[in-house]
């Protein structure tokens, strides 16, 4: 190839070297595009019968592979083109940076494809999605950490191709004590969240779609990034918290080991109410409800107050949202039943005025007429 170019250049001596160099680069770029087209047609046929990961890998890496082939072709073209030493060094440096970039691009694409294909087996909208939430949370956190590491390594490798930066790195290592202290202080929050993300991915105190009670707000984990967590509050607000918050502060996770929850309904009734009737009615309400998961229903007198008794009702449902709705349904239907069948069972405040109470004459006649009056609250 070199001999052919030398003979060609001797025959067209009237052309300047830079024109010949440019022509060589154009030829190798055209050859690279042809090679890419042929290669990808062959790869597409080879993976047609393979699983989804390999088919997606070939289709998603077509553009970065084309770029990589062009970079390799330009490397060859720069080596055989009649370029000066300075021009060749500049072209090689640019192509080296492009090669680092395209390798990082392909690594990011492969990581994204693998994560997507892996998570296709898990459905967050399933009735019992505990296993799905575990894998989705772990995979997404580790994907973001790996993606950040790929970007950092690629940028560092590109910068190290410059002599000035390489010398700076050597001098930085020589003064690693002071520089490390300064860098550690400057990057304290970043490093804290990075290690918190790794710890969250391993231990998983929270997962995607977990129901949390945090900072006095109830909501579901909507997104976990490499630095913060987005909690979707029940009224559609978003609560943004750093990753380190969930390592350093207490919070309630309502779906840590399962999505099912027990809801509590508390009602205060007069001592005269028949508890057995209330228990039977609550069981009927739960059995007729589509929200009840047929696991827990319980009625118990949990406390005696001065004028009322405290009746606690427990009902369970498959997730936190259904549990809340079931509690509301039990309240509404139970109070409707009591108002119709046992209106005197609602709390009363009794006020009795005896005959021996000394009252003015103008009030005495009125007080006799109102003896035994019950003032309903």
Protein backbone atom coordinates (compact mmCIF):
# COMPACT_ATOMS: atom_id res chain seq x y z
CA UNK A 1 0.00 0.00 0.00
CA UNK A 2 2.85 2.36 0.84
CA UNK A 3 4.64 1.54 -2.45
CA UNK A 4 1.43 2.18 -4.34
CA UNK A 5 1.02 5.57 -2.69
CA UNK A 6 4.67 6.45 -3.36
CA UNK A 7 4.27 5.65 -7.09
CA UNK A 8 0.97 7.55 -7.16
CA UNK A 9 2.56 10.59 -5.54
CA UNK A 10 5.48 10.51 -7.99
CA UNK A 11 3.06 10.56 -10.87
CA UNK A 12 1.02 13.48 -9.47
CA UNK A 13 3.86 15.59 -8.16
CA UNK A 14 1.93 18.70 -8.96
CA UNK A 15 -0.43 17.96 -6.02
CA UNK A 16 0.64 19.28 -2.59
CA UNK A 17 1.19 16.76 0.24
CA UNK A 18 -1.77 17.93 2.28
CA UNK A 19 -4.13 17.24 -0.64
CA UNK A 20 -2.71 13.73 -0.99
CA UNK A 21 -3.04 13.21 2.75
CA UNK A 22 -6.64 14.37 2.69
CA UNK A 23 -7.40 12.08 -0.24
CA UNK A 24 -5.91 9.11 1.61
CA UNK A 25 -8.02 9.85 4.68
CA UNK A 26 -11.16 10.08 2.56
CA UNK A 27 -10.40 6.75 0.94
CA UNK A 28 -9.81 4.95 4.25
CA UNK A 29 -13.00 6.47 5.70
CA UNK A 30 -14.99 5.16 2.72
CA UNK A 31 -13.34 1.77 3.12
CA UNK A 32 -14.19 1.78 6.84
CA UNK A 33 -17.86 2.49 6.15
CA UNK A 34 -17.98 -0.40 3.68
CA UNK A 35 -16.32 -2.73 6.18
CA UNK A 36 -18.80 -1.64 8.90
CA UNK A 37 -21.81 -2.27 6.67
CA UNK A 38 -20.63 -5.73 5.65
CA UNK A 39 -19.59 -6.63 9.21
CA UNK A 40 -22.93 -5.61 10.74
CA UNK A 41 -24.96 -7.45 8.16
CA UNK A 42 -22.98 -10.56 9.07
CA UNK A 43 -23.36 -9.98 12.82
CA UNK A 44 -27.11 -9.38 12.50
CA UNK A 45 -27.52 -12.75 10.80
CA UNK A 46 -25.35 -14.49 13.38
CA UNK A 47 -27.32 -13.23 16.39
CA UNK A 48 -30.77 -13.59 14.83
CA UNK A 49 -31.26 -16.90 16.63
CA UNK A 50 -29.57 -15.83 19.89
CA UNK A 51 -31.24 -14.41 22.99
CA UNK A 52 -32.42 -10.83 23.44
CA UNK A 53 -29.20 -9.59 25.04
CA UNK A 54 -27.02 -10.38 22.00
CA UNK A 55 -29.56 -9.03 19.51
CA UNK A 56 -29.88 -5.80 21.51
CA UNK A 57 -26.11 -5.55 21.90
CA UNK A 58 -25.57 -5.73 18.14
CA UNK A 59 -28.35 -3.26 17.31
CA UNK A 60 -27.54 -0.74 20.06
CA UNK A 61 -23.78 -0.71 19.40
CA UNK A 62 -24.04 -0.17 15.65
CA UNK A 63 -23.29 3.56 15.82
CA UNK A 64 -20.42 3.38 18.33
CA UNK A 65 -18.96 0.44 16.36
CA UNK A 66 -19.12 2.49 13.16
CA UNK A 67 -17.29 5.30 14.93
CA UNK A 68 -14.67 2.86 16.25
CA UNK A 69 -14.06 1.40 12.77
CA UNK A 70 -13.67 4.90 11.34
CA UNK A 71 -11.17 5.77 14.07
CA UNK A 72 -9.18 2.60 13.30
CA UNK A 73 -9.30 3.39 9.57
CA UNK A 74 -8.06 6.91 10.21
CA UNK A 75 -5.20 5.50 12.29
CA UNK A 76 -4.15 3.44 9.30
CA UNK A 77 -4.67 6.37 6.94
CA UNK A 78 -2.61 8.71 9.11
CA UNK A 79 0.22 6.17 9.13
CA UNK A 80 0.44 5.91 5.34
CA UNK A 81 -0.59 9.46 4.36
CA UNK A 82 2.19 11.93 3.46
CA UNK A 83 1.83 14.01 6.63
CA UNK A 84 4.49 15.93 8.44
CA UNK A 85 5.58 14.74 11.88
CA UNK A 86 3.61 17.50 13.60
CA UNK A 87 0.47 16.79 11.58
CA UNK A 88 0.73 13.06 12.23
CA UNK A 89 1.14 13.63 15.99
CA UNK A 90 -1.91 15.92 16.12
CA UNK A 91 -4.04 13.43 14.15
CA UNK A 92 -2.90 10.50 16.29
CA UNK A 93 -3.65 12.41 19.49
CA UNK A 94 -7.16 13.32 18.34
CA UNK A 95 -7.84 9.77 17.21
CA UNK A 96 -6.59 8.38 20.54
CA UNK A 97 -9.05 10.60 22.44
CA UNK A 98 -11.83 9.53 20.06
CA UNK A 99 -10.94 5.88 20.64
CA UNK A 100 -11.15 6.31 24.41
CA UNK A 101 -14.51 8.02 24.00
CA UNK A 102 -15.95 5.33 21.74
CA UNK A 103 -14.81 2.55 24.09
CA UNK A 104 -16.57 4.30 26.98
CA UNK A 105 -19.64 4.75 24.77
CA UNK A 106 -19.74 1.05 23.93
CA UNK A 107 -19.22 0.10 27.59
CA UNK A 108 -22.15 2.34 28.63
CA UNK A 109 -24.35 0.84 25.91
CA UNK A 110 -23.49 -2.72 26.93
CA UNK A 111 -24.18 -1.88 30.60
CA UNK A 112 -27.56 -0.31 29.74
CA UNK A 113 -28.57 -3.27 27.56
CA UNK A 114 -27.60 -5.84 30.17
CA UNK A 115 -29.53 -3.99 32.91
CA UNK A 116 -32.61 -3.56 30.73
CA UNK A 117 -32.68 -7.19 29.63
CA UNK A 118 -32.05 -8.41 33.17
CA UNK A 119 -34.90 -6.32 34.61
CA UNK A 120 -37.40 -7.50 31.98
CA UNK A 121 -37.97 -10.57 34.17
CA UNK A 122 -39.35 -8.48 37.04
CA UNK A 123 -42.62 -6.54 37.08
CA UNK A 124 -43.12 -3.70 39.55
CA UNK A 125 -46.86 -3.61 38.85
CA UNK A 126 -47.34 -7.20 40.07
CA UNK A 127 -49.53 -7.85 43.10
CA UNK A 128 -46.58 -9.15 45.14
CA UNK A 129 -43.62 -7.18 43.83
CA UNK A 130 -41.14 -7.61 46.69
CA UNK A 131 -38.66 -9.62 44.62
CA UNK A 132 -38.99 -7.19 41.70
CA UNK A 133 -38.33 -4.19 43.95
CA UNK A 134 -35.20 -5.87 45.34
CA UNK A 135 -33.67 -6.54 41.94
CA UNK A 136 -34.73 -3.24 40.33
CA UNK A 137 -33.30 -1.19 43.17
CA UNK A 138 -30.01 -3.07 43.30
CA UNK A 139 -29.56 -3.08 39.53
CA UNK A 140 -30.30 0.61 39.04
CA UNK A 141 -28.03 1.77 41.84
CA UNK A 142 -25.16 -0.41 40.65
CA UNK A 143 -25.78 0.68 37.05
CA UNK A 144 -25.48 4.35 37.98
CA UNK A 145 -22.33 3.71 40.02
CA UNK A 146 -20.76 1.70 37.17
CA UNK A 147 -21.79 4.36 34.65
CA UNK A 148 -20.16 7.06 36.76
CA UNK A 149 -16.98 5.00 37.08
CA UNK A 150 -16.83 4.44 33.30
CA UNK A 151 -17.18 8.18 32.70
CA UNK A 152 -14.52 9.03 35.30
CA UNK A 153 -12.05 6.48 33.91
CA UNK A 154 -12.65 7.68 30.32
CA UNK A 155 -12.15 11.34 31.22
CA UNK A 156 -9.03 10.52 33.25
CA UNK A 157 -7.60 8.44 30.40
CA UNK A 158 -8.28 11.23 27.91
CA UNK A 159 -6.67 13.85 30.14
CA UNK A 160 -3.62 11.68 30.70
CA UNK A 161 -2.87 11.81 26.97
CA UNK A 162 -1.80 15.42 27.48
CA UNK A 163 1.77 15.85 28.75
CA UNK A 164 0.87 18.80 30.96
CA UNK A 165 -1.83 16.84 32.79
CA UNK A 166 0.44 13.79 33.12
CA UNK A 167 3.13 15.92 34.74
CA UNK A 168 0.54 17.46 37.02
CA UNK A 169 -0.54 13.98 38.09
CA UNK A 170 3.06 13.07 38.93
CA UNK A 171 3.54 16.23 40.99
CA UNK A 172 0.20 15.61 42.67
CA UNK A 173 1.34 12.15 43.73
CA UNK A 174 4.52 13.68 45.15
CA UNK A 175 2.43 15.90 47.43
CA UNK A 176 -0.30 13.32 48.00
CA UNK A 177 -0.64 14.08 51.71
CA UNK A 178 -1.79 17.67 51.51
CA UNK A 179 -3.57 17.24 48.17
CA UNK A 180 -5.42 14.17 49.44
CA UNK A 181 -6.59 16.06 52.52
CA UNK A 182 -7.85 19.00 50.47
CA UNK A 183 -9.56 16.73 47.94
CA UNK A 184 -11.12 14.67 50.71
CA UNK A 185 -12.59 17.75 52.36
CA UNK A 186 -13.83 19.15 49.06
CA UNK A 187 -15.43 15.87 47.96
CA UNK A 188 -16.73 14.80 51.35
CA UNK A 189 -20.43 14.99 50.48
CA UNK A 190 -19.90 13.39 47.07
CA UNK A 191 -17.92 10.48 48.49
CA UNK A 192 -20.40 10.06 51.34
CA UNK A 193 -23.29 9.70 48.92
CA UNK A 194 -21.25 7.39 46.67
CA UNK A 195 -20.50 4.97 49.50
CA UNK A 196 -24.07 5.34 50.77
CA UNK A 197 -25.29 4.27 47.32
CA UNK A 198 -23.10 1.16 47.42
CA UNK A 199 -24.37 0.37 50.93
CA UNK A 200 -27.99 0.87 49.87
CA UNK A 201 -27.51 -1.46 46.88
CA UNK A 202 -26.10 -4.19 49.13
CA UNK A 203 -28.25 -3.89 52.28
CA UNK A 204 -31.38 -2.41 50.63
CA UNK A 205 -33.09 -0.60 53.52
CA UNK A 206 -35.20 1.03 50.78
CA UNK A 207 -36.21 -0.15 47.31
CA UNK A 208 -38.01 1.26 44.31
CA UNK A 209 -41.76 1.62 45.05
CA UNK A 210 -41.30 1.06 48.81
CA UNK A 211 -43.90 2.83 50.97
CA UNK A 212 -42.08 5.11 53.43
CA UNK A 213 -42.98 7.39 56.29
CA UNK A 214 -40.12 9.88 56.28
CA UNK A 215 -39.88 13.46 57.55
CA UNK A 216 -43.53 13.21 58.62
CA UNK A 217 -44.63 12.47 55.02
CA UNK A 218 -46.00 9.23 53.55
CA UNK A 219 -45.10 8.26 50.00
CA UNK A 220 -43.45 5.77 47.64
CA UNK A 221 -39.85 5.65 46.46
CA UNK A 222 -40.03 6.82 42.86
CA UNK A 223 -36.35 7.01 41.89
CA UNK A 224 -32.95 6.24 43.39
CA UNK A 225 -30.05 8.05 41.70
CA UNK A 226 -26.35 7.95 42.51
CA UNK A 227 -26.71 10.96 44.85
CA UNK A 228 -30.35 11.34 45.97
CA UNK A 229 -33.71 9.59 46.41
CA UNK A 230 -37.04 10.88 45.09
CA UNK A 231 -40.07 10.04 47.26
CA UNK A 232 -43.48 10.58 45.61
CA UNK A 233 -45.79 11.92 48.34
CA UNK A 234 -49.41 10.73 48.34
CA UNK A 235 -50.61 14.16 47.10
CA UNK A 236 -48.12 14.02 44.14
CA UNK A 237 -45.50 16.23 45.72
CA UNK A 238 -41.88 15.02 45.54
CA UNK A 239 -39.57 14.81 48.55
CA UNK A 240 -35.87 14.85 47.56
CA UNK A 241 -33.43 13.37 50.07
CA UNK A 242 -29.70 12.58 49.79
CA UNK A 243 -28.69 8.94 49.80
CA UNK A 244 -26.79 9.39 53.05
CA UNK A 245 -30.05 10.38 54.80
CA UNK A 246 -31.29 6.77 54.71
CA UNK A 247 -28.06 5.53 56.30
CA UNK A 248 -27.86 8.14 59.06
CA UNK A 249 -31.51 8.78 60.03
CA UNK A 250 -34.41 6.59 61.20
CA UNK A 251 -37.49 6.23 58.98
CA UNK A 252 -40.42 3.87 58.57
CA UNK A 253 -40.50 1.38 55.69
CA UNK A 254 -43.99 -0.11 55.38
CA UNK A 255 -43.04 -2.62 52.68
CA UNK A 256 -39.63 -3.86 53.84
CA UNK A 257 -40.46 -7.59 53.89
CA UNK A 258 -43.76 -7.57 52.02
CA UNK A 259 -46.39 -5.32 50.51
CA UNK A 260 -49.25 -6.49 52.79
CA UNK A 261 -50.16 -4.23 55.70
CA UNK A 262 -52.53 -4.29 58.67
CA UNK A 263 -54.67 -1.20 59.02
CA UNK A 264 -56.08 0.09 62.31
CA UNK A 265 -59.49 1.67 62.89
CA UNK A 266 -60.21 3.04 66.36
CA UNK A 267 -63.72 3.99 67.52
CA UNK A 268 -64.98 5.17 70.93
CA UNK A 269 -68.36 3.77 71.96
CA UNK A 270 -70.65 3.88 74.97
CA UNK A 271 -70.34 1.08 77.52
CA UNK A 272 -73.81 -0.15 76.59
CA UNK A 273 -72.87 -1.24 73.06
CA UNK A 274 -72.83 -5.03 72.45
CA UNK A 275 -69.25 -5.76 71.38
CA UNK A 276 -70.18 -9.13 69.84
CA UNK A 277 -72.56 -7.38 67.43
CA UNK A 278 -69.86 -4.87 66.42
CA UNK A 279 -67.38 -7.73 65.87
CA UNK A 280 -69.84 -9.61 63.66
CA UNK A 281 -70.63 -6.50 61.62
CA UNK A 282 -66.93 -5.72 61.05
CA UNK A 283 -66.38 -9.28 59.82
CA UNK A 284 -69.30 -8.88 57.41
CA UNK A 285 -67.92 -5.56 56.11
CA UNK A 286 -64.47 -7.08 55.55
CA UNK A 287 -65.83 -10.19 53.86
CA UNK A 288 -67.90 -8.10 51.45
CA UNK A 289 -65.02 -5.79 50.54
CA UNK A 290 -62.85 -6.35 47.45
CA UNK A 291 -59.95 -4.70 49.26
CA UNK A 292 -59.61 -7.25 52.08
CA UNK A 293 -56.94 -9.92 51.49
CA UNK A 294 -58.65 -12.53 53.74
CA UNK A 295 -55.75 -12.54 56.18
CA UNK A 296 -56.50 -10.42 59.26
CA UNK A 297 -59.75 -9.10 60.76
CA UNK A 298 -60.00 -8.49 64.49
CA UNK A 299 -62.13 -6.48 66.92
CA UNK A 300 -61.00 -5.93 70.51
CA UNK A 301 -61.74 -3.54 73.39
CA UNK A 302 -58.30 -2.08 74.04
CA UNK A 303 -59.02 0.54 76.72
CA UNK A 304 -61.60 1.98 79.10
CA UNK A 305 -61.94 5.76 79.26
CA UNK A 306 -63.92 7.77 81.79
CA UNK A 307 -67.07 7.84 79.65
CA UNK A 308 -66.34 5.51 76.71
CA UNK A 309 -64.54 2.34 75.80
CA UNK A 310 -61.93 2.17 73.03
CA UNK A 311 -62.62 -0.43 70.34
CA UNK A 312 -59.73 -1.27 68.00
CA UNK A 313 -60.42 -2.87 64.62
CA UNK A 314 -57.66 -4.52 62.56
CA UNK A 315 -58.01 -5.34 58.85
CA UNK A 316 -55.34 -6.25 56.31
CA UNK A 317 -54.88 -5.63 52.59
CA UNK A 318 -52.33 -6.48 49.91
CA UNK A 319 -50.59 -3.07 49.87
CA UNK A 320 -50.53 0.27 51.66
CA UNK A 321 -52.92 2.04 49.26
CA UNK A 322 -55.57 -0.67 49.51
CA UNK A 323 -55.12 -0.78 53.30
CA UNK A 324 -55.88 2.93 53.57
CA UNK A 325 -58.98 2.60 51.39
CA UNK A 326 -60.15 -0.44 53.39
CA UNK A 327 -59.82 1.47 56.67
CA UNK A 328 -61.98 4.27 55.26
CA UNK A 329 -64.57 1.76 54.04
CA UNK A 330 -64.78 0.08 57.44
CA UNK A 331 -65.20 3.44 59.20
CA UNK A 332 -67.98 4.60 56.88
CA UNK A 333 -70.00 1.38 56.91
CA UNK A 334 -69.57 0.77 60.65
CA UNK A 335 -70.69 4.25 61.69
CA UNK A 336 -73.68 3.97 59.33
CA UNK A 337 -74.63 0.66 60.99
CA UNK A 338 -74.30 2.08 64.52
CA UNK A 339 -76.32 5.20 63.68
CA UNK A 340 -79.16 3.06 62.32
CA UNK A 341 -79.20 0.14 64.76
CA UNK A 342 -77.62 1.42 68.00
CA UNK A 343 -77.82 5.23 68.09
CA UNK A 344 -77.47 5.22 71.88
CA UNK A 345 -74.15 3.40 71.57
CA UNK A 346 -72.44 6.58 70.46
CA UNK A 347 -70.61 8.46 73.24
CA UNK A 348 -72.91 10.45 75.56
CA UNK A 349 -72.23 13.02 78.22
CA UNK A 350 -74.85 12.66 81.00
CA UNK A 351 -75.80 15.66 83.07
CA UNK A 352 -78.17 15.06 86.04
CA UNK A 353 -79.57 17.75 88.32
CA UNK A 354 -80.87 16.44 91.64
CA UNK A 355 -83.85 17.82 93.59
CA UNK A 356 -81.68 18.80 96.56
CA UNK A 357 -79.59 21.21 94.52
CA UNK A 358 -80.15 24.77 95.70
CA UNK A 359 -81.34 26.87 92.79
CA UNK A 360 -83.01 30.25 92.50
CA UNK A 361 -86.79 30.18 92.37
CA UNK A 362 -86.87 31.32 88.76
CA UNK A 363 -84.74 28.29 87.75
CA UNK A 364 -86.31 25.67 90.04
CA UNK A 365 -89.34 24.98 87.86
CA UNK A 366 -87.15 24.67 84.74
CA UNK A 367 -84.69 22.35 86.41
CA UNK A 368 -87.45 19.87 87.45
CA UNK A 369 -88.63 19.70 83.91
CA UNK A 370 -85.13 18.85 82.70
CA UNK A 371 -84.10 16.23 85.23
CA UNK A 372 -82.30 13.32 83.66
CA UNK A 373 -81.58 15.28 80.50
CA UNK A 374 -78.88 13.72 78.32
CA UNK A 375 -76.76 16.06 76.34
CA UNK A 376 -75.48 14.14 73.29
CA UNK A 377 -71.98 14.99 72.04
